[in-house]
């Protein structure tokens, strides 16, 4: 008797489930209850599965839980798959699953609340899966160009309006200056093109016969003044003889008059043996004269001025004579008064 060949008594005691004591295989013995027919045992039994995996066996999960493929399990919020301290039994010598939850793409969950992928479509890196609507870029560019053109048109219109306003304002200002240039009065310079035409320069010939220079200037009325006229004529003679005649005319503006008062103050301020000045009658509203004589060894000089103020005009005539003889002051005085009177007559409206 060996370990591999047990005694007959022990062998008799090892009765198969389809056998009954006292009988042969599949035959009931005397005094025993008939056993199940081996051909009828579990007639609806499912076919055997490899690996001792029986789908009808008790699942290795708690009641009410379902098994999910790829090792993924669904648990209710805040619940663990097994109660603490219990060891779950698995058939067929299978090893219990790892305590770490397996997740796709090599990620592991080490504990705590189970993590699940966010719902929604899985996005892949790279270019967007949505194509731009057909013609969107061209339409956007067209709209952008249209907006730019509109902005340029608006700017051009604004600039045009500004320039138009400035032009109208400038024209109005010029017209305003022209319309309010000179004060109302009895005299005007509208018909004067050369101020030297208002005087007779031939009176200089008796001291110096050769015409040396003639200049004139005409300033039209402006916002700062009513206008002015100027003329200078000079003659040269033999030796030290010379003669000059000067004419100055100013018109009053709407802001007041100037010319006569300044002239009078300056011309009559100097006094002395060789100086003289005084009032002149018969010339406008007011008139004066001033005279200065200088005697030298071989010649004499005379500086003589007559000025008058009448209505809206001031007229001044000055003569300067250098002569190798004696200059008659009364002759020069008469010439100056005649020249002032002539100018007033020429400028009268």
Protein backbone atom coordinates (compact mmCIF):
# COMPACT_ATOMS: atom_id res chain seq x y z
CA UNK A 1 0.00 0.00 0.00
CA UNK A 2 1.38 3.29 -1.02
CA UNK A 3 0.26 6.86 -1.03
CA UNK A 4 -0.71 6.51 -4.62
CA UNK A 5 -2.75 3.25 -3.91
CA UNK A 6 -4.90 3.77 -0.82
CA UNK A 7 -6.55 0.76 0.89
CA UNK A 8 -9.70 -0.65 -0.56
CA UNK A 9 -11.63 0.48 2.45
CA UNK A 10 -10.69 4.11 1.84
CA UNK A 11 -11.45 3.72 -1.81
CA UNK A 12 -14.87 2.34 -0.96
CA UNK A 13 -15.53 5.30 1.24
CA UNK A 14 -14.75 7.73 -1.60
CA UNK A 15 -18.12 7.48 -3.26
CA UNK A 16 -18.77 9.45 -6.32
CA UNK A 17 -21.74 11.76 -6.46
CA UNK A 18 -23.29 9.75 -9.23
CA UNK A 19 -22.86 6.50 -7.36
CA UNK A 20 -24.77 5.10 -4.41
CA UNK A 21 -23.39 2.85 -1.74
CA UNK A 22 -23.93 -0.85 -2.34
CA UNK A 23 -24.32 -0.60 -6.06
CA UNK A 24 -22.32 -0.20 -9.11
CA UNK A 25 -21.76 2.94 -10.85
CA UNK A 26 -25.08 4.51 -11.59
CA UNK A 27 -27.04 1.70 -9.73
CA UNK A 28 -28.75 2.38 -6.43
CA UNK A 29 -27.91 0.18 -3.57
CA UNK A 30 -30.34 -1.53 -1.26
CA UNK A 31 -31.93 0.63 1.38
CA UNK A 32 -30.74 3.93 -0.21
CA UNK A 33 -32.46 6.73 -1.90
CA UNK A 34 -32.09 6.70 -5.63
CA UNK A 35 -29.59 9.37 -6.78
CA UNK A 36 -29.99 11.64 -9.71
CA UNK A 37 -29.65 10.31 -13.16
CA UNK A 38 -26.29 11.44 -14.42
CA UNK A 39 -27.82 12.01 -17.81
CA UNK A 40 -30.38 14.33 -16.27
CA UNK A 41 -28.05 16.31 -14.05
CA UNK A 42 -28.29 19.99 -14.98
CA UNK A 43 -29.75 19.38 -18.43
CA UNK A 44 -29.70 23.17 -19.08
CA UNK A 45 -26.13 23.57 -18.02
CA UNK A 46 -24.21 26.05 -20.06
CA UNK A 47 -21.11 24.90 -21.87
CA UNK A 48 -17.92 24.98 -19.97
CA UNK A 49 -15.68 28.01 -20.48
CA UNK A 50 -11.94 28.02 -20.52
CA UNK A 51 -10.04 29.24 -17.59
CA UNK A 52 -12.72 28.04 -15.13
CA UNK A 53 -14.63 31.20 -15.87
CA UNK A 54 -18.32 30.55 -15.37
CA UNK A 55 -20.58 33.45 -16.18
CA UNK A 56 -23.17 31.97 -13.77
CA UNK A 57 -20.77 32.06 -10.87
CA UNK A 58 -21.07 34.74 -8.25
CA UNK A 59 -19.48 37.91 -9.71
CA UNK A 60 -16.52 39.40 -7.85
CA UNK A 61 -18.46 42.62 -7.30
CA UNK A 62 -20.94 43.73 -4.71
CA UNK A 63 -24.68 43.33 -5.31
CA UNK A 64 -26.25 45.69 -7.76
CA UNK A 65 -22.96 46.56 -9.51
CA UNK A 66 -22.23 45.89 -13.12
CA UNK A 67 -19.04 44.85 -14.81
CA UNK A 68 -17.61 47.15 -17.49
CA UNK A 69 -15.08 46.28 -20.15
CA UNK A 70 -11.41 47.23 -20.20
CA UNK A 71 -11.19 47.09 -16.42
CA UNK A 72 -13.31 50.24 -15.94
CA UNK A 73 -15.83 50.20 -13.11
CA UNK A 74 -18.62 52.62 -12.33
CA UNK A 75 -19.08 53.60 -8.76
CA UNK A 76 -21.64 55.82 -7.15
CA UNK A 77 -20.42 59.21 -5.92
CA UNK A 78 -18.24 58.92 -2.83
CA UNK A 79 -18.44 55.05 -2.59
CA UNK A 80 -15.55 52.64 -2.68
CA UNK A 81 -15.90 49.35 -4.64
CA UNK A 82 -15.35 47.20 -1.52
CA UNK A 83 -16.03 47.54 2.15
CA UNK A 84 -13.07 48.30 4.38
CA UNK A 85 -11.18 45.32 5.63
CA UNK A 86 -12.84 42.69 3.45
CA UNK A 87 -10.88 40.49 1.11
CA UNK A 88 -12.71 39.72 -2.07
CA UNK A 89 -12.40 36.14 -3.29
CA UNK A 90 -11.88 35.37 -6.96
CA UNK A 91 -12.33 31.91 -8.54
CA UNK A 92 -9.77 29.96 -10.42
CA UNK A 93 -6.80 31.45 -8.55
CA UNK A 94 -7.20 34.81 -10.21
CA UNK A 95 -5.36 37.73 -8.72
CA UNK A 96 -7.43 40.62 -7.44
CA UNK A 97 -7.26 43.72 -9.56
CA UNK A 98 -4.75 46.39 -8.67
CA UNK A 99 -5.90 48.95 -6.12
CA UNK A 100 -5.09 51.67 -8.59
CA UNK A 101 -7.77 52.51 -11.11
CA UNK A 102 -6.62 52.16 -14.70
CA UNK A 103 -7.37 55.00 -17.13
CA UNK A 104 -6.79 55.43 -20.82
CA UNK A 105 -3.59 56.90 -22.24
CA UNK A 106 -1.43 55.52 -19.43
CA UNK A 107 -2.91 57.69 -16.66
CA UNK A 108 -3.37 56.23 -13.18
CA UNK A 109 -5.62 57.26 -10.39
CA UNK A 110 -3.84 56.89 -7.05
CA UNK A 111 -6.72 57.38 -4.67
CA UNK A 112 -9.51 59.60 -3.58
CA UNK A 113 -12.45 60.46 -5.74
CA UNK A 114 -12.49 58.53 -9.04
CA UNK A 115 -11.85 60.71 -12.06
CA UNK A 116 -13.75 60.39 -15.28
CA UNK A 117 -13.12 61.96 -18.63
CA UNK A 118 -15.00 65.21 -19.29
CA UNK A 119 -18.13 64.72 -21.37
CA UNK A 120 -18.21 65.90 -24.94
CA UNK A 121 -16.24 65.12 -28.08
CA UNK A 122 -12.61 64.20 -27.86
CA UNK A 123 -10.51 67.03 -29.31
CA UNK A 124 -7.33 66.29 -31.12
CA UNK A 125 -4.33 68.56 -31.35
CA UNK A 126 -3.51 70.14 -34.63
CA UNK A 127 -5.54 72.22 -37.03
CA UNK A 128 -9.14 72.85 -36.17
CA UNK A 129 -11.60 70.27 -37.40
CA UNK A 130 -13.98 72.98 -38.51
CA UNK A 131 -13.34 74.52 -41.88
CA UNK A 132 -13.94 78.22 -42.45
CA UNK A 133 -17.15 79.00 -44.27
CA UNK A 134 -16.66 79.30 -47.97
CA UNK A 135 -15.77 82.86 -48.98
CA UNK A 136 -15.54 84.16 -45.41
CA UNK A 137 -12.00 85.53 -45.76
CA UNK A 138 -12.77 87.26 -49.05
CA UNK A 139 -15.97 88.72 -47.64
CA UNK A 140 -14.16 90.01 -44.54
CA UNK A 141 -11.45 91.59 -46.67
CA UNK A 142 -14.09 93.19 -48.89
CA UNK A 143 -15.89 94.59 -45.85
CA UNK A 144 -12.59 95.92 -44.47
CA UNK A 145 -11.80 97.65 -47.77
CA UNK A 146 -15.29 99.09 -47.86
CA UNK A 147 -14.90 100.49 -44.35
CA UNK A 148 -11.52 102.00 -45.24
CA UNK A 149 -12.98 103.65 -48.33
CA UNK A 150 -15.87 105.02 -46.28
CA UNK A 151 -13.46 106.44 -43.67
CA UNK A 152 -11.37 108.10 -46.38
CA UNK A 153 -14.45 109.63 -47.97
CA UNK A 154 -15.59 111.01 -44.60
CA UNK A 155 -12.15 112.53 -43.92
CA UNK A 156 -12.05 114.08 -47.39
CA UNK A 157 -15.50 115.60 -46.91
CA UNK A 158 -14.53 117.02 -43.51
CA UNK A 159 -11.35 118.55 -44.94
CA UNK A 160 -13.27 120.01 -47.86
CA UNK A 161 -15.79 121.60 -45.49
CA UNK A 162 -12.98 123.04 -43.34
CA UNK A 163 -11.22 124.50 -46.37
CA UNK A 164 -14.49 125.88 -47.66
CA UNK A 165 -15.21 127.57 -44.34
CA UNK A 166 -11.68 128.99 -44.19
CA UNK A 167 -12.00 130.30 -47.74
CA UNK A 168 -15.34 131.93 -47.06
CA UNK A 169 -13.98 133.41 -43.83
CA UNK A 170 -10.93 134.78 -45.64
CA UNK A 171 -13.08 136.35 -48.34
CA UNK A 172 -15.36 137.82 -45.73
CA UNK A 173 -12.35 139.19 -43.84
CA UNK A 174 -10.94 140.79 -46.98
CA UNK A 175 -14.30 142.27 -47.82
CA UNK A 176 -14.66 143.45 -44.27
CA UNK A 177 -11.26 145.12 -44.41
CA UNK A 178 -12.07 146.72 -47.73
CA UNK A 179 -15.44 147.91 -46.55
CA UNK A 180 -14.25 149.41 -43.26
CA UNK A 181 -10.83 150.66 -44.36
CA UNK A 182 -11.14 154.41 -44.46
CA UNK A 183 -13.18 156.78 -42.42
CA UNK A 184 -15.84 158.82 -44.14
CA UNK A 185 -14.61 162.23 -45.23
CA UNK A 186 -14.16 164.71 -48.07
CA UNK A 187 -10.97 163.17 -49.46
CA UNK A 188 -10.00 159.87 -51.04
CA UNK A 189 -7.18 158.25 -52.97
CA UNK A 190 -9.19 156.08 -55.37
CA UNK A 191 -8.00 157.93 -58.49
CA UNK A 192 -4.33 158.22 -57.55
CA UNK A 193 -1.86 155.91 -59.27
CA UNK A 194 1.31 158.01 -58.76
CA UNK A 195 1.67 160.26 -55.74
CA UNK A 196 4.21 162.46 -57.52
CA UNK A 197 1.50 163.57 -59.95
CA UNK A 198 -0.08 165.52 -57.07
CA UNK A 199 2.82 167.99 -56.87
CA UNK A 200 4.72 170.25 -59.28
CA UNK A 201 8.36 169.20 -59.10
CA UNK A 202 9.45 171.91 -61.58
CA UNK A 203 9.66 174.40 -58.70
CA UNK A 204 13.03 172.85 -57.83
CA UNK A 205 14.65 173.88 -61.09
CA UNK A 206 15.48 177.43 -59.89
CA UNK A 207 18.00 176.00 -57.42
CA UNK A 208 19.03 172.79 -59.20
CA UNK A 209 17.93 172.02 -62.77
CA UNK A 210 18.97 168.39 -63.16
CA UNK A 211 16.48 165.73 -62.07
CA UNK A 212 18.29 163.16 -60.02
CA UNK A 213 15.68 160.81 -58.55
CA UNK A 214 11.95 160.39 -58.28
CA UNK A 215 10.21 157.76 -56.09
CA UNK A 216 6.60 157.29 -55.08
CA UNK A 217 4.51 154.86 -53.03
CA UNK A 218 0.79 154.33 -52.72
CA UNK A 219 -0.61 152.22 -49.84
CA UNK A 220 -4.26 151.28 -50.24
CA UNK A 221 -6.59 151.48 -47.25
CA UNK A 222 -6.35 148.51 -44.83
CA UNK A 223 -7.82 147.43 -41.52
CA UNK A 224 -5.03 149.23 -39.64
CA UNK A 225 -5.19 152.48 -41.62
CA UNK A 226 -7.07 154.49 -44.16
CA UNK A 227 -4.24 154.56 -46.74
CA UNK A 228 -1.22 156.74 -47.50
CA UNK A 229 0.73 158.42 -50.35
CA UNK A 230 4.41 159.32 -50.59
CA UNK A 231 6.58 161.08 -53.17
CA UNK A 232 10.25 162.08 -53.24
CA UNK A 233 11.86 164.23 -55.97
CA UNK A 234 15.47 165.40 -55.93
CA UNK A 235 17.45 167.67 -58.31
CA UNK A 236 21.15 168.30 -58.56
CA UNK A 237 22.91 171.46 -59.80
CA UNK A 238 26.40 172.90 -60.10
CA UNK A 239 28.81 172.95 -57.23
CA UNK A 240 26.95 172.32 -53.98
CA UNK A 241 23.53 173.30 -55.28
CA UNK A 242 20.68 170.77 -54.76
CA UNK A 243 16.95 170.78 -54.07
CA UNK A 244 14.53 168.15 -52.79
CA UNK A 245 10.76 168.04 -52.42
CA UNK A 246 8.86 165.56 -50.28
CA UNK A 247 5.10 164.83 -50.04
CA UNK A 248 3.36 162.78 -47.32
CA UNK A 249 -0.41 162.13 -47.27
CA UNK A 250 -2.34 160.01 -44.76
CA UNK A 251 -6.05 159.20 -44.56
CA UNK A 252 -7.95 158.60 -41.35
CA UNK A 253 -9.23 155.09 -40.58
CA UNK A 254 -12.27 154.03 -38.61
CA UNK A 255 -9.96 153.67 -35.60
CA UNK A 256 -8.86 157.30 -35.70
CA UNK A 257 -6.47 159.70 -37.44
CA UNK A 258 -2.71 159.76 -37.48
CA UNK A 259 -0.08 161.82 -39.30
CA UNK A 260 -0.80 165.43 -38.71
CA UNK A 261 -0.54 165.47 -34.91
CA UNK A 262 2.70 163.48 -34.92
CA UNK A 263 4.22 165.68 -37.60
CA UNK A 264 3.33 168.89 -35.80
CA UNK A 265 4.69 167.67 -32.50
CA UNK A 266 8.00 166.66 -34.03
CA UNK A 267 8.47 169.62 -36.41
CA UNK A 268 7.69 172.37 -33.88
CA UNK A 269 9.48 170.86 -30.88
CA UNK A 270 12.91 172.32 -31.74
CA UNK A 271 13.49 175.99 -30.93
CA UNK A 272 16.47 178.30 -31.26
CA UNK A 273 18.03 181.16 -33.24
CA UNK A 274 17.78 179.41 -36.59
CA UNK A 275 14.43 177.67 -35.92
CA UNK A 276 10.94 179.03 -36.41
CA UNK A 277 7.40 177.57 -36.57
CA UNK A 278 3.85 178.73 -36.37
CA UNK A 279 0.26 178.41 -37.56
CA UNK A 280 -0.81 178.78 -41.18
CA UNK A 281 -4.21 180.10 -42.14
CA UNK A 282 -6.31 179.40 -45.20
CA UNK A 283 -5.30 175.71 -45.42
CA UNK A 284 -7.91 173.24 -44.25
CA UNK A 285 -9.04 172.97 -40.67
CA UNK A 286 -5.56 173.35 -39.18
CA UNK A 287 -2.09 174.03 -40.59
CA UNK A 288 1.40 174.95 -39.44
CA UNK A 289 4.85 175.66 -40.78
CA UNK A 290 8.39 175.02 -39.48
CA UNK A 291 11.69 176.43 -40.73
CA UNK A 292 15.39 175.86 -40.09
CA UNK A 293 18.22 177.88 -41.76
CA UNK A 294 21.90 176.98 -41.62
CA UNK A 295 24.57 179.40 -42.95
CA UNK A 296 27.94 178.12 -44.11
CA UNK A 297 30.89 179.96 -45.59
CA UNK A 298 30.11 179.22 -49.23
CA UNK A 299 26.45 178.12 -49.20
CA UNK A 300 23.22 178.19 -47.22
CA UNK A 301 20.62 175.47 -46.44
CA UNK A 302 16.93 175.82 -45.80
CA UNK A 303 14.64 173.09 -44.44
CA UNK A 304 11.02 174.26 -44.74
CA UNK A 305 7.74 172.40 -44.01
CA UNK A 306 4.03 173.24 -44.38
CA UNK A 307 1.35 170.74 -43.23
CA UNK A 308 -2.43 170.89 -43.08
CA UNK A 309 -5.26 168.78 -41.69
CA UNK A 310 -8.69 168.81 -43.29
CA UNK A 311 -11.60 166.40 -42.81
CA UNK A 312 -10.16 162.88 -43.15
CA UNK A 313 -6.77 163.74 -44.72
CA UNK A 314 -3.40 165.08 -43.55
CA UNK A 315 -0.99 166.65 -46.09
CA UNK A 316 2.64 167.62 -45.54
CA UNK A 317 5.07 169.21 -48.03
CA UNK A 318 8.76 169.59 -47.19
CA UNK A 319 11.48 171.34 -49.21
CA UNK A 320 15.19 171.13 -48.55
CA UNK A 321 17.46 173.50 -50.51
CA UNK A 322 21.24 173.78 -50.51
CA UNK A 323 22.41 176.86 -52.41
CA UNK A 324 25.72 178.75 -52.93
CA UNK A 325 23.87 182.02 -52.48
CA UNK A 326 21.02 183.28 -50.24
CA UNK A 327 17.76 181.28 -50.21
CA UNK A 328 14.62 183.42 -50.04
CA UNK A 329 12.53 181.88 -47.23
CA UNK A 330 9.28 183.65 -48.27
CA UNK A 331 9.53 182.12 -51.75
CA UNK A 332 9.91 178.66 -50.29
CA UNK A 333 7.03 179.31 -47.88
CA UNK A 334 4.73 180.27 -50.75
CA UNK A 335 5.76 177.22 -52.82
CA UNK A 336 5.07 174.85 -49.92
CA UNK A 337 1.64 176.32 -49.24
CA UNK A 338 0.73 176.13 -52.93
CA UNK A 339 1.79 172.49 -53.08
CA UNK A 340 -0.37 171.61 -50.05
CA UNK A 341 -3.35 173.41 -51.55
CA UNK A 342 -2.82 171.64 -54.89
CA UNK A 343 -2.75 168.21 -53.21
CA UNK A 344 -5.95 168.91 -51.31
CA UNK A 345 -7.66 169.94 -54.53
CA UNK A 346 -6.49 166.76 -56.29
CA UNK A 347 -7.71 164.46 -53.49
CA UNK A 348 -11.08 166.12 -52.90
CA UNK A 349 -14.01 163.86 -53.80
